[in-house]
Amino acid sequence: MADLTGARWRTSTRSSSNGGNCVEVADNLPGVVLVRDSKDRAGGTLTFPPSAWRTFIGQLATARRP
């Protein structure tokens, strides 16, 4: 397992508009993107390869287009 101690977590700029129901993402570590619940930071972390995360974000952007 990778060392995750250097993860820099961030939330979406839109997180305040949905009542705080959001996730935090850390994408500063080599070879991994981390995702966790902003309300339960100790509750666990999902780990994705960067390519899978890029695909996911790309699909979200496509789904938002009219």
C-alpha atoms as a PDB file:
ATOM      1  CA  MET A   1       0.000   0.000   0.000  1.00  0.00           C
ATOM      2  CA  ALA A   2       1.221   3.500  -0.821  1.00  0.00           C
ATOM      3  CA  ASP A   3       2.180   6.008   1.858  1.00  0.00           C
ATOM      4  CA  LEU A   4      -0.792   8.387   2.061  1.00  0.00           C
ATOM      5  CA  THR A   5       0.528  10.722   4.774  1.00  0.00           C
ATOM      6  CA  GLY A   6       1.383  13.473   2.280  1.00  0.00           C
ATOM      7  CA  ALA A   7      -2.126  13.650   0.800  1.00  0.00           C
ATOM      8  CA  ARG A   8      -3.413  17.204   0.287  1.00  0.00           C
ATOM      9  CA  TRP A   9      -7.189  17.063   0.479  1.00  0.00           C
ATOM     10  CA  ARG A  10      -9.515  19.476  -1.300  1.00  0.00           C
ATOM     11  CA  THR A  11     -13.257  19.817  -1.709  1.00  0.00           C
ATOM     12  CA  SER A  12     -15.277  21.009  -4.647  1.00  0.00           C
ATOM     13  CA  THR A  13     -15.828  24.731  -4.957  1.00  0.00           C
ATOM     14  CA  ARG A  14     -19.529  23.837  -5.144  1.00  0.00           C
ATOM     15  CA  SER A  15     -19.557  21.924  -1.863  1.00  0.00           C
ATOM     16  CA  SER A  16     -21.100  24.776   0.135  1.00  0.00           C
ATOM     17  CA  SER A  17     -24.136  24.861  -2.153  1.00  0.00           C
ATOM     18  CA  ASN A  18     -25.272  21.307  -1.390  1.00  0.00           C
ATOM     19  CA  GLY A  19     -25.397  21.406   2.400  1.00  0.00           C
ATOM     20  CA  GLY A  20     -21.924  19.977   2.884  1.00  0.00           C
ATOM     21  CA  ASN A  21     -22.739  16.614   1.318  1.00  0.00           C
ATOM     22  CA  CYS A  22     -19.560  16.142  -0.629  1.00  0.00           C
ATOM     23  CA  VAL A  23     -16.320  14.291  -0.932  1.00  0.00           C
ATOM     24  CA  GLU A  24     -12.718  15.351  -0.635  1.00  0.00           C
ATOM     25  CA  VAL A  25     -10.116  14.410  -3.210  1.00  0.00           C
ATOM     26  CA  ALA A  26      -6.345  14.149  -2.933  1.00  0.00           C
ATOM     27  CA  ASP A  27      -4.596  13.899  -6.294  1.00  0.00           C
ATOM     28  CA  ASN A  28      -1.122  15.056  -5.389  1.00  0.00           C
ATOM     29  CA  LEU A  29       0.407  11.633  -4.727  1.00  0.00           C
ATOM     30  CA  PRO A  30       2.120   9.724  -7.532  1.00  0.00           C
ATOM     31  CA  GLY A  31       0.057   6.937  -9.080  1.00  0.00           C
ATOM     32  CA  VAL A  32      -3.045   7.310  -6.936  1.00  0.00           C
ATOM     33  CA  VAL A  33      -6.138   9.487  -6.430  1.00  0.00           C
ATOM     34  CA  LEU A  34      -7.827   9.324  -3.029  1.00  0.00           C
ATOM     35  CA  VAL A  35     -11.464  10.084  -2.251  1.00  0.00           C
ATOM     36  CA  ARG A  36     -13.160  10.322   1.151  1.00  0.00           C
ATOM     37  CA  ASP A  37     -16.384  11.577   2.742  1.00  0.00           C
ATOM     38  CA  SER A  38     -15.933  15.139   3.987  1.00  0.00           C
ATOM     39  CA  LYS A  39     -18.213  14.467   6.973  1.00  0.00           C
ATOM     40  CA  ASP A  40     -16.416  11.261   8.036  1.00  0.00           C
ATOM     41  CA  ARG A  41     -12.746  11.735   7.248  1.00  0.00           C
ATOM     42  CA  ALA A  42     -11.685   8.777   9.390  1.00  0.00           C
ATOM     43  CA  GLY A  43     -14.327   6.499   7.854  1.00  0.00           C
ATOM     44  CA  GLY A  44     -12.221   5.187   5.004  1.00  0.00           C
ATOM     45  CA  THR A  45     -10.655   6.183   1.716  1.00  0.00           C
ATOM     46  CA  LEU A  46     -11.329   5.024  -1.814  1.00  0.00           C
ATOM     47  CA  THR A  47      -8.248   4.668  -4.002  1.00  0.00           C
ATOM     48  CA  PHE A  48      -8.243   5.014  -7.784  1.00  0.00           C
ATOM     49  CA  PRO A  49      -5.578   4.943 -10.469  1.00  0.00           C
ATOM     50  CA  PRO A  50      -5.249   8.417 -12.030  1.00  0.00           C
ATOM     51  CA  SER A  51      -6.477   7.148 -15.417  1.00  0.00           C
ATOM     52  CA  ALA A  52      -9.715   5.833 -13.875  1.00  0.00           C
ATOM     53  CA  TRP A  53     -10.248   9.141 -12.058  1.00  0.00           C
ATOM     54  CA  ARG A  54      -9.744  11.131 -15.277  1.00  0.00           C
ATOM     55  CA  THR A  55     -12.277   8.896 -17.035  1.00  0.00           C
ATOM     56  CA  PHE A  56     -14.770   9.377 -14.202  1.00  0.00           C
ATOM     57  CA  ILE A  57     -14.391  13.176 -14.229  1.00  0.00           C
ATOM     58  CA  GLY A  58     -14.663  13.209 -18.005  1.00  0.00           C
ATOM     59  CA  GLN A  59     -17.905  11.241 -17.852  1.00  0.00           C
ATOM     60  CA  LEU A  60     -19.306  13.697 -15.293  1.00  0.00           C
ATOM     61  CA  ALA A  61     -18.462  16.625 -17.546  1.00  0.00           C
ATOM     62  CA  THR A  62     -20.139  14.908 -20.495  1.00  0.00           C
ATOM     63  CA  ALA A  63     -23.263  14.118 -18.456  1.00  0.00           C
ATOM     64  CA  ARG A  64     -23.634  17.778 -17.406  1.00  0.00           C
ATOM     65  CA  ARG A  65     -23.739  19.065 -20.984  1.00  0.00           C
ATOM     66  CA  PRO A  66     -27.220  19.789 -22.354  1.00  0.00           C
END
